[in-house]
Amino acid sequence: MTPTPISSITLDGREFLVKRDDLVDKYLTGNKFRKLHPLLVTPNQTFNKIISYGGTQSNAMLSISAMCKQKGWEYIYYSKKISKTQEEKNSGNLYLAKMLGMKHIQIPHSKYRDVIDELQFNLDEKTFLIDQGGAIVAAKDGLDILAMEIREQRPNVKALATPSGTGTTALFLALALPEYIVYTTPCVGDVNYLKKQMSTLATIPENLVILKPKKKYHFAKPYLNFLDIYKKTLLSGIEFDIIYAPGMWECLVEQTDEKIMYIHSGGVSGNESMLERYKILYQNP
């Protein structure tokens, strides 16, 4: 594919470059496209079913659904039980994923971990399991391609940044580009949780710098300062997701001072439903 372009934005008086991985595809976009690249180039007949699990706000969930529709594969997604209101909502990532053909199986909270742990033991040769967030060792191949693009484009920076759920993108990007500092911050759990997730995939390199958030943020919970950051970046000309990106931008503005290129993780399709939650909770601030 053609390398994604690089744009620039100004945030709080600082210029940042932005690697526009959000422009790859409407749903299969950003770091999820990079992680899933090995499966995208896998012959269709290799598998007939993909299984994954996680939260119903997940960008990975939607991207995998888009991939499976392209490949003609059945897609089953497990999550903890959600409310009737969430289940019947006609917007957001869950709705879009189901429209693309995803089968959604809800599990009671008390049984969730046991069911997920058993998934890997019930696979046949035509079924592939993708761990939460698209965390697969094969994701390294797609991120190596991203690294090659960055080298070829030669951005005038010495540091890159990308927010982390499982940390897969930040980890493999840092391993592939040892000449760059790669900044990330945990958006799910804390720094120790993020390090544990990364360590299951590879040894964390020295050029990967994990910035600690100034406070503990609960994943996918609306925060007014996140909304403010979302609006600031939107005014700069590029829309970012409102769940992962604000925490990364906050850390970059407050804890760094060099010129940085932000790797756009996509995921803006979930903004519509998230902004609705902000309107309800904060009376449309």
Protein backbone atom coordinates (compact mmCIF):
# COMPACT_ATOMS: atom_id res chain seq x y z
CA MET A 1 0.00 0.00 0.00
CA THR A 2 1.00 3.65 -0.36
CA PRO A 3 2.63 4.99 2.84
CA THR A 4 0.22 7.07 4.91
CA PRO A 5 0.97 10.80 4.80
CA ILE A 6 2.39 13.01 7.55
CA SER A 7 0.54 16.15 8.68
CA SER A 8 1.31 18.69 11.38
CA ILE A 9 -0.76 20.30 14.13
CA THR A 10 -0.12 22.94 16.75
CA LEU A 11 -1.18 22.13 20.30
CA ASP A 12 -0.60 24.53 23.19
CA GLY A 13 1.90 26.44 21.09
CA ARG A 14 3.94 23.36 20.08
CA GLU A 15 4.17 21.79 16.66
CA PHE A 16 3.63 18.04 16.42
CA LEU A 17 3.79 15.84 13.35
CA VAL A 18 1.05 13.25 12.85
CA LYS A 19 1.47 10.00 10.91
CA ARG A 20 -1.99 9.67 9.34
CA ASP A 21 -2.73 5.97 9.82
CA ASP A 22 -6.34 7.02 10.39
CA LEU A 23 -6.69 7.44 6.61
CA VAL A 24 -6.16 3.76 5.71
CA ASP A 25 -9.81 2.68 5.90
CA LYS A 26 -13.05 3.83 7.56
CA TYR A 27 -13.16 0.94 10.04
CA LEU A 28 -9.96 -1.08 9.57
CA THR A 29 -7.61 1.73 10.44
CA GLY A 30 -4.70 3.00 12.50
CA ASN A 31 -2.68 0.64 14.67
CA LYS A 32 -5.34 -2.06 14.27
CA PHE A 33 -4.65 -2.16 10.52
CA ARG A 34 -0.93 -2.56 11.28
CA LYS A 35 -1.51 -5.30 13.85
CA LEU A 36 -3.88 -7.23 11.60
CA HIS A 37 -1.74 -6.95 8.47
CA PRO A 38 -0.41 -10.55 8.72
CA LEU A 39 -4.00 -11.84 8.73
CA LEU A 40 -5.03 -9.50 5.92
CA VAL A 41 -2.43 -11.06 3.62
CA THR A 42 -3.24 -14.62 4.77
CA PRO A 43 -5.05 -16.63 2.05
CA ASN A 44 -8.81 -16.60 2.71
CA GLN A 45 -9.03 -20.40 2.80
CA THR A 46 -6.56 -20.65 5.69
CA PHE A 47 -9.25 -19.84 8.27
CA ASN A 48 -13.02 -19.72 8.38
CA LYS A 49 -13.49 -18.31 11.87
CA ILE A 50 -11.90 -15.61 14.03
CA ILE A 51 -12.50 -15.37 17.78
CA SER A 52 -11.64 -12.42 20.00
CA TYR A 53 -12.75 -10.81 23.26
CA GLY A 54 -12.68 -7.59 25.26
CA GLY A 55 -14.75 -4.46 25.82
CA THR A 56 -17.64 -3.33 23.65
CA GLN A 57 -16.05 0.12 23.05
CA SER A 58 -13.04 -1.59 21.49
CA ASN A 59 -11.54 -0.24 18.26
CA ALA A 60 -9.90 -3.63 17.71
CA MET A 61 -13.31 -5.32 17.85
CA LEU A 62 -14.58 -3.13 15.00
CA SER A 63 -11.40 -3.45 12.91
CA ILE A 64 -11.42 -7.25 13.20
CA SER A 65 -15.06 -7.22 12.11
CA ALA A 66 -14.17 -5.18 9.02
CA MET A 67 -11.30 -7.56 8.25
CA CYS A 68 -13.50 -10.66 8.61
CA LYS A 69 -16.11 -9.17 6.28
CA GLN A 70 -13.37 -8.61 3.67
CA LYS A 71 -12.00 -12.13 4.10
CA GLY A 72 -15.34 -13.93 4.35
CA TRP A 73 -14.58 -15.28 7.83
CA GLU A 74 -17.06 -15.81 10.66
CA TYR A 75 -16.31 -13.54 13.62
CA ILE A 76 -17.28 -14.28 17.23
CA TYR A 77 -16.59 -11.72 19.95
CA TYR A 78 -16.90 -12.33 23.69
CA SER A 79 -17.49 -9.59 26.24
CA LYS A 80 -18.77 -9.20 29.76
CA LYS A 81 -22.53 -8.78 29.99
CA ILE A 82 -23.72 -5.30 29.05
CA SER A 83 -26.95 -3.40 29.71
CA LYS A 84 -29.98 -3.64 27.46
CA THR A 85 -29.51 0.04 26.58
CA GLN A 86 -25.95 -0.58 25.40
CA GLU A 87 -26.99 -3.68 23.48
CA GLU A 88 -29.75 -1.89 21.56
CA LYS A 89 -27.81 1.30 20.79
CA ASN A 90 -27.76 2.12 17.07
CA SER A 91 -24.39 3.90 17.04
CA GLY A 92 -20.84 3.25 18.19
CA ASN A 93 -18.32 0.46 17.66
CA LEU A 94 -20.50 -2.41 18.91
CA TYR A 95 -23.36 -1.46 16.62
CA LEU A 96 -21.06 -1.04 13.61
CA ALA A 97 -19.26 -4.33 14.29
CA LYS A 98 -22.56 -6.21 14.44
CA MET A 99 -23.68 -4.53 11.22
CA LEU A 100 -20.51 -5.90 9.62
CA GLY A 101 -21.47 -9.43 10.70
CA MET A 102 -19.92 -9.92 14.13
CA LYS A 103 -21.61 -12.40 16.48
CA HIS A 104 -21.55 -11.01 20.03
CA ILE A 105 -21.58 -13.39 23.00
CA GLN A 106 -22.06 -11.90 26.47
CA ILE A 107 -20.67 -13.63 29.56
CA PRO A 108 -21.63 -12.97 33.21
CA HIS A 109 -18.85 -11.05 34.99
CA SER A 110 -18.25 -13.90 37.45
CA LYS A 111 -17.58 -16.41 34.64
CA TYR A 112 -15.81 -14.15 32.14
CA ARG A 113 -12.19 -14.95 33.00
CA ASP A 114 -12.77 -18.70 33.05
CA VAL A 115 -14.52 -18.65 29.66
CA ILE A 116 -11.76 -16.54 28.08
CA ASP A 117 -9.01 -18.76 29.50
CA GLU A 118 -10.68 -21.81 27.94
CA LEU A 119 -10.99 -20.34 24.43
CA GLN A 120 -7.47 -21.28 23.36
CA PHE A 121 -8.05 -24.93 24.23
CA ASN A 122 -11.10 -25.32 21.97
CA LEU A 123 -9.70 -24.18 18.63
CA ASP A 124 -9.64 -26.19 15.42
CA GLU A 125 -7.14 -25.64 12.60
CA LYS A 126 -9.53 -23.28 10.77
CA THR A 127 -10.11 -21.01 13.79
CA PHE A 128 -7.75 -18.23 14.87
CA LEU A 129 -7.85 -16.53 18.29
CA ILE A 130 -6.91 -12.86 18.56
CA ASP A 131 -6.23 -11.72 22.11
CA GLN A 132 -7.80 -8.54 23.47
CA GLY A 133 -6.76 -5.41 21.58
CA GLY A 134 -5.27 -7.35 18.67
CA ALA A 135 -2.28 -8.43 20.77
CA ILE A 136 -0.70 -11.13 18.61
CA VAL A 137 3.01 -11.82 18.12
CA ALA A 138 2.41 -11.74 14.36
CA ALA A 139 1.48 -8.05 14.73
CA LYS A 140 5.23 -7.39 14.61
CA ASP A 141 5.18 -7.89 10.82
CA GLY A 142 2.68 -5.09 10.26
CA LEU A 143 4.50 -2.75 12.58
CA ASP A 144 7.78 -3.51 10.83
CA ILE A 145 6.11 -2.17 7.67
CA LEU A 146 5.11 0.98 9.57
CA ALA A 147 8.70 1.35 10.77
CA MET A 148 9.97 1.01 7.20
CA GLU A 149 7.55 3.73 6.05
CA ILE A 150 8.77 6.08 8.78
CA ARG A 151 12.41 5.51 7.84
CA GLU A 152 11.64 6.18 4.18
CA GLN A 153 9.68 9.36 4.95
CA ARG A 154 12.47 10.67 7.20
CA PRO A 155 10.40 12.94 9.48
CA ASN A 156 12.41 15.68 11.16
CA VAL A 157 11.95 14.23 14.65
CA LYS A 158 13.82 11.95 17.02
CA ALA A 159 10.76 10.82 19.00
CA LEU A 160 7.48 9.07 18.20
CA ALA A 161 4.35 8.63 20.31
CA THR A 162 1.40 6.27 20.42
CA PRO A 163 -1.07 5.51 23.26
CA SER A 164 -1.29 1.99 24.66
CA GLY A 165 -3.99 -0.48 25.54
CA THR A 166 -2.03 -3.73 25.47
CA GLY A 167 1.12 -1.88 24.37
CA THR A 168 1.60 -4.04 21.27
CA THR A 169 2.02 -1.11 18.86
CA ALA A 170 4.42 0.87 21.05
CA LEU A 171 6.50 -2.21 21.87
CA PHE A 172 7.04 -3.48 18.32
CA LEU A 173 7.52 0.04 16.96
CA ALA A 174 10.27 0.70 19.52
CA LEU A 175 11.92 -2.63 18.70
CA ALA A 176 11.84 -1.86 14.96
CA LEU A 177 13.10 1.73 15.34
CA PRO A 178 15.86 1.75 17.97
CA GLU A 179 17.10 5.11 16.65
CA TYR A 180 13.91 6.80 17.88
CA ILE A 181 12.52 7.37 21.37
CA VAL A 182 9.00 5.92 21.44
CA TYR A 183 6.69 7.49 24.01
CA THR A 184 3.53 5.79 25.22
CA THR A 185 1.17 5.92 28.18
CA PRO A 186 -1.23 3.33 29.64
CA CYS A 187 -4.89 3.87 28.73
CA VAL A 188 -6.00 0.60 30.35
CA GLY A 189 -4.71 -0.07 33.86
CA ASP A 190 -1.49 1.43 35.18
CA VAL A 191 2.18 1.40 34.16
CA ASN A 192 2.85 -1.95 35.83
CA TYR A 193 -0.11 -3.54 34.03
CA LEU A 194 1.15 -2.19 30.72
CA LYS A 195 4.67 -3.51 31.30
CA LYS A 196 3.24 -6.92 32.16
CA GLN A 197 1.22 -7.00 28.92
CA MET A 198 4.22 -5.99 26.84
CA SER A 199 6.51 -8.50 28.50
CA THR A 200 4.32 -11.39 27.31
CA LEU A 201 5.26 -10.42 23.73
CA ALA A 202 8.92 -9.35 23.96
CA THR A 203 11.57 -7.75 26.16
CA ILE A 204 10.85 -4.04 26.60
CA PRO A 205 13.64 -2.02 24.90
CA GLU A 206 15.36 0.98 26.47
CA ASN A 207 14.09 3.41 23.83
CA LEU A 208 10.46 2.75 24.85
CA VAL A 209 9.52 5.40 27.42
CA ILE A 210 6.27 4.93 29.35
CA LEU A 211 4.88 8.26 30.57
CA LYS A 212 2.85 7.98 33.76
CA PRO A 213 -0.53 9.77 33.68
CA LYS A 214 -0.92 12.53 36.27
CA LYS A 215 -3.94 10.69 37.73
CA LYS A 216 -5.57 7.28 37.41
CA TYR A 217 -8.01 7.28 34.54
CA HIS A 218 -10.61 4.54 34.18
CA PHE A 219 -10.79 3.20 30.66
CA ALA A 220 -13.59 4.66 28.49
CA LYS A 221 -14.91 6.85 31.32
CA PRO A 222 -15.75 10.43 30.26
CA TYR A 223 -13.41 13.08 31.68
CA LEU A 224 -13.89 16.80 31.06
CA ASN A 225 -10.17 17.37 30.53
CA PHE A 226 -10.21 14.63 27.86
CA LEU A 227 -13.08 16.43 26.14
CA ASP A 228 -11.12 19.69 26.25
CA ILE A 229 -8.08 18.02 24.67
CA TYR A 230 -10.28 16.39 22.01
CA LYS A 231 -11.72 19.80 21.09
CA LYS A 232 -8.25 21.40 20.97
CA THR A 233 -6.89 18.78 18.60
CA LEU A 234 -10.04 18.98 16.47
CA LEU A 235 -9.54 22.73 16.10
CA SER A 236 -5.98 21.99 14.93
CA GLY A 237 -7.45 20.21 11.92
CA ILE A 238 -7.34 16.46 12.75
CA GLU A 239 -9.88 14.36 14.65
CA PHE A 240 -8.46 11.86 17.15
CA ASP A 241 -10.32 9.29 19.21
CA ILE A 242 -11.64 10.56 22.53
CA ILE A 243 -10.73 7.49 24.64
CA TYR A 244 -7.03 6.79 23.98
CA ALA A 245 -5.63 9.94 22.40
CA PRO A 246 -6.37 12.58 25.08
CA GLY A 247 -4.32 10.80 27.75
CA MET A 248 -1.36 10.54 25.38
CA TRP A 249 -1.60 14.19 24.33
CA GLU A 250 -1.83 15.30 27.96
CA CYS A 251 1.36 13.42 28.84
CA LEU A 252 3.21 14.71 25.78
CA VAL A 253 2.33 18.35 26.45
CA GLU A 254 3.15 18.16 30.17
CA GLN A 255 6.13 15.78 30.24
CA THR A 256 8.07 16.32 26.99
CA ASP A 257 9.54 19.29 25.17
CA GLU A 258 11.10 17.96 21.94
CA LYS A 259 9.48 17.72 18.51
CA ILE A 260 7.46 14.50 18.29
CA MET A 261 5.54 12.57 15.64
CA TYR A 262 2.27 11.11 16.90
CA ILE A 263 1.19 7.85 15.26
CA HIS A 264 -2.55 8.29 14.70
CA SER A 265 -4.28 5.17 16.05
CA GLY A 266 -7.55 5.72 14.19
CA GLY A 267 -10.62 4.71 16.20
CA VAL A 268 -12.63 7.88 15.53
CA SER A 269 -15.70 5.80 14.62
CA GLY A 270 -16.36 5.39 18.36
CA ASN A 271 -16.44 9.12 19.01
CA GLU A 272 -20.12 9.52 18.16
CA SER A 273 -21.35 7.28 20.96
CA MET A 274 -18.72 8.57 23.40
CA LEU A 275 -19.71 12.19 22.78
CA GLU A 276 -23.31 11.23 23.50
CA ARG A 277 -22.19 10.06 26.94
CA TYR A 278 -20.48 13.40 27.54
CA LYS A 279 -23.69 15.23 26.64
CA ILE A 280 -25.71 13.14 29.08
CA LEU A 281 -23.23 13.40 31.96
CA TYR A 282 -22.18 17.02 31.55
CA GLN A 283 -25.27 18.59 29.91
CA ASN A 284 -23.46 19.29 26.65
CA PRO A 285 -20.51 21.34 28.06
